[in-house]
């Protein structure tokens, strides 16, 4: 059973294929055009799935999604240096520094005394923690809506596949 749901950038139909051995579109392992590249498809998914999150972050709370990511990291993991946040969020250092400066200006992040550390850590303020408590449930609800199409087993398989692809991407990046 096949259901054509649109076209991909190659001009070929995007087909949902219920045959477990079949391919939904083209071939991820052997792409024949840019729209069949894994990174392209993941970016497209991120853009579509992320749009509601952007609307909630920016429209409802006045923070960019990348700023939210910094606040979430600080609330979930506690005070951290810029370098630790770079590692935790996998963002570039200059971008992290700009985001933190913006968040400090908005009152969501504060710099703490160095306390013997070579670099002063940053922490979420009470306003940053409040932002997290109010925004996270809304973003989690968007996530649940996106994941509704998968059953529990499929969600576990997807989580495993994403972990494996991430590990492989890190190895390719290091080459």
N, C-alpha and C. Protein backbone atom coordinates (compact mmCIF):
# COMPACT_ATOMS: atom_id res chain seq x y z
N UNK A 1 0.85 -1.18 0.00
CA UNK A 1 0.00 0.00 0.00
C UNK A 1 0.89 1.24 0.00
N UNK A 2 0.64 2.13 -0.93
CA UNK A 2 1.42 3.35 -1.06
C UNK A 2 0.48 4.55 -1.01
N UNK A 3 0.95 5.62 -0.41
CA UNK A 3 0.18 6.86 -0.39
C UNK A 3 1.11 7.98 -0.82
N UNK A 4 0.83 8.59 -1.98
CA UNK A 4 1.62 9.72 -2.43
C UNK A 4 1.17 10.93 -1.64
N UNK A 5 2.12 11.60 -0.98
CA UNK A 5 1.77 12.73 -0.13
C UNK A 5 2.39 14.05 -0.59
N UNK A 6 3.02 14.07 -1.74
CA UNK A 6 3.63 15.29 -2.26
C UNK A 6 4.79 14.95 -3.14
N UNK A 7 5.61 15.94 -3.43
CA UNK A 7 6.79 15.68 -4.24
C UNK A 7 8.02 16.14 -3.47
N UNK A 8 9.14 15.54 -3.78
CA UNK A 8 10.40 15.96 -3.20
C UNK A 8 11.13 16.80 -4.22
N UNK A 9 12.22 17.40 -3.83
CA UNK A 9 12.96 18.30 -4.70
C UNK A 9 13.43 17.68 -6.00
N UNK A 10 13.43 16.37 -6.12
CA UNK A 10 13.86 15.68 -7.34
C UNK A 10 12.74 15.63 -8.36
N UNK A 11 11.56 16.11 -7.99
CA UNK A 11 10.42 16.05 -8.88
C UNK A 11 9.70 14.72 -8.84
N UNK A 12 10.18 13.80 -8.02
CA UNK A 12 9.54 12.50 -7.89
C UNK A 12 8.55 12.56 -6.73
N UNK A 13 7.55 11.67 -6.76
CA UNK A 13 6.58 11.68 -5.66
C UNK A 13 7.20 11.24 -4.34
N UNK A 14 6.75 11.85 -3.28
CA UNK A 14 7.10 11.45 -1.92
C UNK A 14 6.07 10.41 -1.55
N UNK A 15 6.50 9.17 -1.38
CA UNK A 15 5.58 8.06 -1.17
C UNK A 15 5.77 7.49 0.22
N UNK A 16 4.68 7.38 0.95
CA UNK A 16 4.70 6.65 2.21
C UNK A 16 4.50 5.19 1.84
N UNK A 17 5.41 4.35 2.23
CA UNK A 17 5.41 2.96 1.83
C UNK A 17 5.22 2.10 3.08
N UNK A 18 4.14 1.33 3.11
CA UNK A 18 3.91 0.48 4.27
C UNK A 18 4.72 -0.81 4.21
N UNK A 19 5.42 -1.05 3.13
CA UNK A 19 6.27 -2.22 2.99
C UNK A 19 7.54 -1.99 3.80
N UNK A 20 7.78 -2.74 4.88
CA UNK A 20 8.95 -2.50 5.73
C UNK A 20 10.27 -2.57 4.97
N UNK A 21 10.33 -3.32 3.88
CA UNK A 21 11.57 -3.42 3.11
C UNK A 21 11.69 -2.33 2.08
N UNK A 22 10.65 -1.55 1.88
CA UNK A 22 10.66 -0.51 0.85
C UNK A 22 11.28 0.78 1.34
N UNK A 23 11.46 1.69 0.45
CA UNK A 23 12.01 3.00 0.79
C UNK A 23 10.92 4.04 0.62
N UNK A 24 10.83 4.98 1.57
CA UNK A 24 9.81 6.01 1.50
C UNK A 24 10.07 6.93 0.31
N UNK A 25 11.28 7.39 0.15
CA UNK A 25 11.61 8.24 -0.98
C UNK A 25 13.04 7.95 -1.39
N UNK A 26 13.22 7.81 -2.67
CA UNK A 26 14.57 7.61 -3.17
C UNK A 26 15.33 6.61 -2.32
N UNK A 27 16.56 6.94 -2.02
CA UNK A 27 17.38 6.07 -1.20
C UNK A 27 18.29 6.93 -0.34
N UNK A 28 18.12 6.82 0.95
CA UNK A 28 19.00 7.56 1.87
C UNK A 28 20.43 7.05 1.77
N UNK A 29 20.61 5.78 1.48
CA UNK A 29 21.96 5.21 1.40
C UNK A 29 22.63 5.52 0.07
N UNK A 30 21.85 5.81 -0.94
CA UNK A 30 22.41 6.11 -2.26
C UNK A 30 21.57 7.20 -2.92
N UNK A 31 21.65 8.43 -2.42
CA UNK A 31 20.81 9.51 -2.96
C UNK A 31 21.16 9.84 -4.41
N UNK A 32 20.13 10.22 -5.15
CA UNK A 32 20.33 10.60 -6.54
C UNK A 32 20.11 12.09 -6.77
N UNK A 33 19.68 12.81 -5.75
CA UNK A 33 19.54 14.26 -5.83
C UNK A 33 19.61 14.83 -4.41
N UNK A 34 19.73 16.14 -4.31
CA UNK A 34 19.96 16.77 -3.00
C UNK A 34 18.83 16.51 -2.01
N UNK A 35 17.60 16.42 -2.49
CA UNK A 35 16.46 16.25 -1.58
C UNK A 35 16.46 14.87 -0.92
N UNK A 36 17.25 13.94 -1.43
CA UNK A 36 17.33 12.62 -0.83
C UNK A 36 18.48 12.51 0.17
N UNK A 37 19.26 13.56 0.33
CA UNK A 37 20.36 13.55 1.30
C UNK A 37 19.78 13.57 2.71
N UNK A 38 20.35 12.76 3.59
CA UNK A 38 19.88 12.67 4.97
C UNK A 38 19.85 14.03 5.65
N UNK A 39 20.94 14.78 5.54
CA UNK A 39 20.99 16.10 6.20
C UNK A 39 19.90 17.03 5.70
N UNK A 40 19.62 16.99 4.41
CA UNK A 40 18.56 17.82 3.84
C UNK A 40 17.21 17.44 4.45
N UNK A 41 16.94 16.14 4.51
CA UNK A 41 15.65 15.69 5.04
C UNK A 41 15.51 16.00 6.52
N UNK A 42 16.60 15.82 7.28
CA UNK A 42 16.55 16.15 8.71
C UNK A 42 16.35 17.64 8.92
N UNK A 43 17.03 18.46 8.14
CA UNK A 43 16.88 19.92 8.25
C UNK A 43 15.44 20.33 7.94
N UNK A 44 14.87 19.71 6.92
CA UNK A 44 13.48 20.00 6.56
C UNK A 44 12.54 19.65 7.71
N UNK A 45 12.76 18.50 8.33
CA UNK A 45 11.97 18.08 9.48
C UNK A 45 12.13 19.06 10.64
N UNK A 46 13.36 19.46 10.91
CA UNK A 46 13.63 20.41 11.99
C UNK A 46 12.92 21.74 11.71
N UNK A 47 12.98 22.20 10.48
CA UNK A 47 12.33 23.47 10.14
C UNK A 47 10.81 23.38 10.31
N UNK A 48 10.22 22.31 9.81
CA UNK A 48 8.76 22.15 9.94
C UNK A 48 8.36 21.93 11.39
N UNK A 49 9.01 21.00 12.05
CA UNK A 49 8.66 20.68 13.44
C UNK A 49 9.04 21.77 14.41
N UNK A 50 10.05 22.58 14.06
CA UNK A 50 10.50 23.64 14.94
C UNK A 50 9.70 24.93 14.84
N UNK A 51 8.96 25.09 13.74
CA UNK A 51 8.21 26.34 13.55
C UNK A 51 7.23 26.62 14.69
N UNK A 52 6.46 25.64 15.14
CA UNK A 52 5.57 25.92 16.27
C UNK A 52 6.35 26.30 17.54
N UNK A 53 7.51 25.68 17.75
CA UNK A 53 8.32 26.01 18.91
C UNK A 53 8.84 27.44 18.83
N UNK A 54 9.24 27.84 17.64
CA UNK A 54 9.72 29.22 17.45
C UNK A 54 8.60 30.20 17.76
N UNK A 55 7.38 29.89 17.28
CA UNK A 55 6.25 30.79 17.55
C UNK A 55 6.01 30.92 19.06
N UNK A 56 6.08 29.81 19.77
CA UNK A 56 5.86 29.83 21.23
C UNK A 56 6.98 30.61 21.92
N UNK A 57 8.23 30.29 21.57
CA UNK A 57 9.38 30.96 22.21
C UNK A 57 9.37 32.46 21.96
N UNK A 58 9.33 32.83 20.68
CA UNK A 58 9.44 34.23 20.32
C UNK A 58 8.16 35.00 20.57
N UNK A 59 7.03 34.43 20.15
CA UNK A 59 5.75 35.14 20.29
C UNK A 59 5.24 35.18 21.71
N UNK A 60 5.39 34.08 22.41
CA UNK A 60 4.83 34.01 23.76
C UNK A 60 5.77 34.44 24.87
N UNK A 61 7.09 34.33 24.62
CA UNK A 61 8.03 34.58 25.71
C UNK A 61 9.16 35.54 25.37
N UNK A 62 9.25 35.97 24.12
CA UNK A 62 10.26 36.96 23.73
C UNK A 62 11.69 36.45 23.72
N UNK A 63 11.86 35.13 23.54
CA UNK A 63 13.21 34.57 23.44
C UNK A 63 13.32 33.75 22.16
N UNK A 64 14.49 33.79 21.56
CA UNK A 64 14.75 32.96 20.40
C UNK A 64 14.89 31.51 20.88
N UNK A 65 14.67 30.57 19.98
CA UNK A 65 14.79 29.16 20.35
C UNK A 65 16.19 28.84 20.85
N UNK A 66 17.20 29.46 20.24
CA UNK A 66 18.58 29.22 20.68
C UNK A 66 18.83 29.81 22.07
N UNK A 67 18.17 30.92 22.39
CA UNK A 67 18.28 31.47 23.74
C UNK A 67 17.61 30.53 24.74
N UNK A 68 16.47 30.00 24.35
CA UNK A 68 15.78 29.03 25.20
C UNK A 68 16.69 27.85 25.51
N UNK A 69 17.43 27.42 24.51
CA UNK A 69 18.32 26.28 24.69
C UNK A 69 19.36 26.55 25.77
N UNK A 70 19.87 27.78 25.83
CA UNK A 70 20.85 28.15 26.86
C UNK A 70 20.20 28.14 28.24
N UNK A 71 19.02 28.74 28.34
CA UNK A 71 18.32 28.77 29.62
C UNK A 71 18.03 27.35 30.09
N UNK A 72 17.54 26.50 29.17
CA UNK A 72 17.22 25.12 29.53
C UNK A 72 18.47 24.39 30.02
N UNK A 73 19.59 24.58 29.35
CA UNK A 73 20.84 23.91 29.77
C UNK A 73 21.23 24.35 31.18
N UNK A 74 21.10 25.63 31.46
CA UNK A 74 21.49 26.13 32.79
C UNK A 74 20.53 25.67 33.88
N UNK A 75 19.25 25.60 33.58
CA UNK A 75 18.28 25.14 34.57
C UNK A 75 18.44 23.64 34.80
N UNK A 76 18.59 22.87 33.72
CA UNK A 76 18.65 21.42 33.85
C UNK A 76 19.97 20.92 34.43
N UNK A 77 21.06 21.62 34.16
CA UNK A 77 22.39 21.13 34.57
C UNK A 77 23.09 22.02 35.59
N UNK A 78 22.52 23.16 35.91
CA UNK A 78 23.12 24.04 36.88
C UNK A 78 24.14 24.98 36.27
N UNK A 79 24.77 25.80 37.10
CA UNK A 79 25.73 26.79 36.61
C UNK A 79 26.81 26.15 35.73
N UNK A 80 27.23 26.90 34.71
CA UNK A 80 28.23 26.39 33.76
C UNK A 80 29.01 27.55 33.17
N UNK A 81 30.22 27.26 32.75
CA UNK A 81 31.03 28.25 32.04
C UNK A 81 30.60 28.27 30.58
N UNK A 82 31.06 29.27 29.87
CA UNK A 82 30.77 29.35 28.43
C UNK A 82 31.26 28.09 27.74
N UNK A 83 32.45 27.64 28.07
CA UNK A 83 33.00 26.43 27.46
C UNK A 83 32.15 25.20 27.73
N UNK A 84 31.66 25.09 28.94
CA UNK A 84 30.79 23.95 29.27
C UNK A 84 29.47 24.01 28.50
N UNK A 85 28.96 25.23 28.31
CA UNK A 85 27.73 25.39 27.55
C UNK A 85 27.95 25.10 26.06
N UNK A 86 29.12 25.46 25.55
CA UNK A 86 29.46 25.13 24.16
C UNK A 86 29.42 23.62 23.99
N UNK A 87 30.03 22.91 24.92
CA UNK A 87 30.06 21.46 24.85
C UNK A 87 28.67 20.86 25.01
N UNK A 88 27.90 21.36 25.96
CA UNK A 88 26.57 20.80 26.24
C UNK A 88 25.58 21.05 25.11
N UNK A 89 25.68 22.21 24.46
CA UNK A 89 24.70 22.56 23.41
C UNK A 89 25.21 22.31 22.01
N UNK A 90 26.51 22.04 21.87
CA UNK A 90 27.14 21.81 20.57
C UNK A 90 27.00 23.01 19.64
N UNK A 91 27.02 24.19 20.24
CA UNK A 91 26.99 25.44 19.47
C UNK A 91 28.39 26.03 19.47
N UNK A 92 28.62 26.94 18.53
CA UNK A 92 29.92 27.62 18.46
C UNK A 92 30.07 28.59 19.62
N UNK A 93 31.31 28.75 20.08
CA UNK A 93 31.60 29.59 21.24
C UNK A 93 31.14 31.02 21.09
N UNK A 94 31.41 31.63 19.94
CA UNK A 94 31.01 33.02 19.74
C UNK A 94 29.50 33.17 19.80
N UNK A 95 28.79 32.21 19.25
CA UNK A 95 27.32 32.26 19.28
C UNK A 95 26.81 32.11 20.71
N UNK A 96 27.39 31.19 21.46
CA UNK A 96 26.99 30.99 22.85
C UNK A 96 27.23 32.28 23.64
N UNK A 97 28.36 32.92 23.43
CA UNK A 97 28.67 34.17 24.14
C UNK A 97 27.65 35.25 23.81
N UNK A 98 27.28 35.38 22.53
CA UNK A 98 26.27 36.38 22.13
C UNK A 98 24.91 36.07 22.76
N UNK A 99 24.53 34.80 22.74
CA UNK A 99 23.24 34.42 23.33
C UNK A 99 23.21 34.71 24.82
N UNK A 100 24.30 34.39 25.50
CA UNK A 100 24.36 34.63 26.94
C UNK A 100 24.31 36.12 27.26
N UNK A 101 24.97 36.94 26.45
CA UNK A 101 24.91 38.39 26.66
C UNK A 101 23.48 38.89 26.50
N UNK A 102 22.79 38.39 25.48
CA UNK A 102 21.39 38.77 25.27
C UNK A 102 20.52 38.32 26.45
N UNK A 103 20.74 37.10 26.91
CA UNK A 103 19.95 36.58 28.03
C UNK A 103 20.25 37.32 29.33
N UNK A 104 21.49 37.77 29.51
CA UNK A 104 21.81 38.57 30.68
C UNK A 104 21.05 39.89 30.60
N UNK A 105 21.02 40.48 29.42
CA UNK A 105 20.28 41.74 29.23
C UNK A 105 18.79 41.59 29.48
N UNK A 106 18.25 40.42 29.20
CA UNK A 106 16.82 40.16 29.42
C UNK A 106 16.53 39.70 30.84
N UNK A 107 17.58 39.49 31.64
CA UNK A 107 17.40 39.10 33.03
C UNK A 107 17.18 37.62 33.26
N UNK A 108 17.49 36.77 32.27
CA UNK A 108 17.28 35.33 32.43
C UNK A 108 18.53 34.59 32.88
N UNK A 109 19.68 35.22 32.72
CA UNK A 109 20.96 34.59 33.06
C UNK A 109 21.81 35.60 33.83
N UNK A 110 22.61 35.10 34.77
CA UNK A 110 23.53 35.96 35.52
C UNK A 110 24.89 35.29 35.61
N UNK A 111 25.92 36.11 35.71
CA UNK A 111 27.28 35.61 35.91
C UNK A 111 27.50 35.50 37.42
N UNK A 112 28.04 34.36 37.83
CA UNK A 112 28.32 34.14 39.25
C UNK A 112 29.78 34.46 39.56
N UNK A 113 30.12 34.67 40.83
CA UNK A 113 31.53 34.86 41.17
C UNK A 113 32.34 33.62 40.77
N UNK A 114 33.57 33.82 40.34
CA UNK A 114 34.41 32.73 39.84
C UNK A 114 34.66 31.67 40.89
N UNK A 115 34.82 32.04 42.15
CA UNK A 115 34.99 31.08 43.23
C UNK A 115 36.12 30.09 43.02
N UNK A 116 37.26 30.57 42.60
CA UNK A 116 38.41 29.70 42.40
C UNK A 116 38.50 29.09 41.02
N UNK A 117 37.47 29.23 40.22
CA UNK A 117 37.52 28.71 38.85
C UNK A 117 38.22 29.74 37.97
N UNK A 118 38.82 29.28 36.89
CA UNK A 118 39.50 30.20 35.98
C UNK A 118 38.50 31.06 35.21
N UNK A 119 37.31 30.55 35.00
CA UNK A 119 36.26 31.30 34.31
C UNK A 119 35.03 31.35 35.20
N UNK A 120 34.37 32.50 35.23
CA UNK A 120 33.16 32.65 36.05
C UNK A 120 32.00 31.89 35.41
N UNK A 121 31.31 31.08 36.18
CA UNK A 121 30.16 30.36 35.63
C UNK A 121 28.95 31.28 35.48
N UNK A 122 28.02 30.83 34.69
CA UNK A 122 26.75 31.52 34.51
C UNK A 122 25.65 30.63 35.06
N UNK A 123 24.56 31.25 35.46
CA UNK A 123 23.43 30.50 36.01
C UNK A 123 22.14 31.16 35.57
N UNK A 124 21.08 30.38 35.56
CA UNK A 124 19.76 30.94 35.30
C UNK A 124 19.33 31.75 36.53
N UNK A 125 18.71 32.88 36.28
CA UNK A 125 18.15 33.69 37.37
C UNK A 125 16.78 33.11 37.74
N UNK A 126 16.14 33.69 38.72
CA UNK A 126 14.78 33.27 39.08
C UNK A 126 13.85 33.45 37.88
N UNK A 127 14.06 34.53 37.12
CA UNK A 127 13.25 34.75 35.90
C UNK A 127 13.53 33.68 34.86
N UNK A 128 14.79 33.26 34.75
CA UNK A 128 15.15 32.20 33.82
C UNK A 128 14.52 30.87 34.21
N UNK A 129 14.51 30.59 35.51
CA UNK A 129 13.88 29.36 36.00
C UNK A 129 12.37 29.40 35.78
N UNK A 130 11.77 30.56 35.96
CA UNK A 130 10.32 30.72 35.71
C UNK A 130 10.04 30.51 34.22
N UNK A 131 10.88 31.09 33.36
CA UNK A 131 10.74 30.89 31.92
C UNK A 131 10.75 29.40 31.60
N UNK A 132 11.70 28.69 32.15
CA UNK A 132 11.81 27.25 31.92
C UNK A 132 10.54 26.52 32.36
N UNK A 133 10.07 26.81 33.57
CA UNK A 133 8.87 26.14 34.10
C UNK A 133 7.64 26.39 33.24
N UNK A 134 7.55 27.58 32.65
CA UNK A 134 6.38 27.92 31.84
C UNK A 134 6.52 27.45 30.39
N UNK A 135 7.73 27.50 29.85
CA UNK A 135 7.93 27.20 28.43
C UNK A 135 8.12 25.71 28.16
N UNK A 136 8.86 25.01 29.02
CA UNK A 136 9.13 23.60 28.75
C UNK A 136 7.86 22.78 28.53
N UNK A 137 6.83 22.90 29.36
CA UNK A 137 5.63 22.09 29.12
C UNK A 137 4.99 22.35 27.76
N UNK A 138 5.06 23.57 27.29
CA UNK A 138 4.49 23.89 25.97
C UNK A 138 5.31 23.26 24.86
N UNK A 139 6.62 23.29 24.99
CA UNK A 139 7.49 22.66 23.98
C UNK A 139 7.36 21.14 24.04
N UNK A 140 7.22 20.60 25.22
CA UNK A 140 7.02 19.15 25.35
C UNK A 140 5.70 18.73 24.70
N UNK A 141 4.68 19.57 24.80
CA UNK A 141 3.39 19.27 24.16
C UNK A 141 3.54 19.26 22.64
N UNK A 142 4.31 20.19 22.09
CA UNK A 142 4.57 20.20 20.65
C UNK A 142 5.30 18.92 20.26
N UNK A 143 6.28 18.54 21.06
CA UNK A 143 7.03 17.30 20.80
C UNK A 143 6.09 16.09 20.78
N UNK A 144 5.19 16.04 21.76
CA UNK A 144 4.24 14.92 21.82
C UNK A 144 3.36 14.89 20.57
N UNK A 145 2.93 16.06 20.10
CA UNK A 145 2.10 16.11 18.89
C UNK A 145 2.86 15.60 17.68
N UNK A 146 4.14 15.94 17.58
CA UNK A 146 4.95 15.44 16.46
C UNK A 146 5.13 13.93 16.54
N UNK A 147 5.31 13.43 17.74
CA UNK A 147 5.60 12.00 17.93
C UNK A 147 4.35 11.12 17.92
N UNK A 148 3.15 11.72 17.84
CA UNK A 148 1.91 10.95 17.84
C UNK A 148 1.87 9.90 16.73
N UNK A 149 2.54 10.13 15.64
CA UNK A 149 2.47 9.21 14.49
C UNK A 149 3.27 7.94 14.73
N UNK A 150 4.07 7.91 15.79
CA UNK A 150 4.88 6.73 16.09
C UNK A 150 4.34 6.03 17.33
N UNK A 151 4.33 4.71 17.31
CA UNK A 151 3.97 3.99 18.53
C UNK A 151 5.22 3.93 19.42
N UNK A 152 5.10 3.37 20.62
CA UNK A 152 6.21 3.35 21.58
C UNK A 152 7.44 2.63 21.01
N UNK A 153 7.24 1.52 20.34
CA UNK A 153 8.36 0.78 19.77
C UNK A 153 9.05 1.60 18.68
N UNK A 154 8.27 2.22 17.81
CA UNK A 154 8.85 3.04 16.75
C UNK A 154 9.63 4.22 17.33
N UNK A 155 9.11 4.80 18.41
CA UNK A 155 9.81 5.91 19.06
C UNK A 155 11.14 5.45 19.63
N UNK A 156 11.18 4.25 20.22
CA UNK A 156 12.44 3.71 20.74
C UNK A 156 13.42 3.42 19.60
N UNK A 157 12.92 2.87 18.50
CA UNK A 157 13.76 2.60 17.34
C UNK A 157 14.32 3.92 16.79
N UNK A 158 13.47 4.93 16.68
CA UNK A 158 13.93 6.22 16.18
C UNK A 158 15.01 6.79 17.10
N UNK A 159 14.80 6.71 18.40
CA UNK A 159 15.78 7.22 19.35
C UNK A 159 17.12 6.50 19.17
N UNK A 160 17.08 5.19 18.99
CA UNK A 160 18.29 4.41 18.76
C UNK A 160 18.95 4.81 17.43
N UNK A 161 18.16 4.94 16.39
CA UNK A 161 18.71 5.32 15.09
C UNK A 161 19.35 6.71 15.14
N UNK A 162 18.71 7.64 15.82
CA UNK A 162 19.29 8.98 15.94
C UNK A 162 20.60 8.94 16.71
N UNK A 163 20.67 8.14 17.76
CA UNK A 163 21.92 8.01 18.52
C UNK A 163 23.02 7.42 17.64
N UNK A 164 22.68 6.40 16.87
CA UNK A 164 23.68 5.78 15.99
C UNK A 164 24.12 6.74 14.90
N UNK A 165 23.19 7.46 14.30
CA UNK A 165 23.55 8.43 13.27
C UNK A 165 24.39 9.57 13.85
N UNK A 166 24.08 10.00 15.05
CA UNK A 166 24.87 11.05 15.70
C UNK A 166 26.29 10.57 15.95
N UNK A 167 26.44 9.37 16.45
CA UNK A 167 27.78 8.81 16.69
C UNK A 167 28.55 8.71 15.38
N UNK A 168 27.88 8.29 14.32
CA UNK A 168 28.55 8.17 13.02
C UNK A 168 28.92 9.55 12.49
N UNK A 169 28.03 10.52 12.64
CA UNK A 169 28.33 11.88 12.18
C UNK A 169 29.53 12.45 12.92
N UNK A 170 29.62 12.17 14.23
CA UNK A 170 30.78 12.64 15.00
C UNK A 170 32.06 12.01 14.49
N UNK A 171 32.00 10.73 14.11
CA UNK A 171 33.19 10.05 13.57
C UNK A 171 33.57 10.63 12.20
N UNK A 172 32.59 10.86 11.36
CA UNK A 172 32.86 11.45 10.04
C UNK A 172 33.43 12.85 10.20
N UNK A 173 32.87 13.61 11.13
CA UNK A 173 33.33 14.97 11.39
C UNK A 173 34.80 14.97 11.83
N UNK A 174 35.18 13.98 12.60
CA UNK A 174 36.55 13.91 13.12
C UNK A 174 37.58 13.48 12.07
N UNK A 175 37.11 12.92 10.97
CA UNK A 175 38.05 12.45 9.93
C UNK A 175 38.75 13.59 9.24
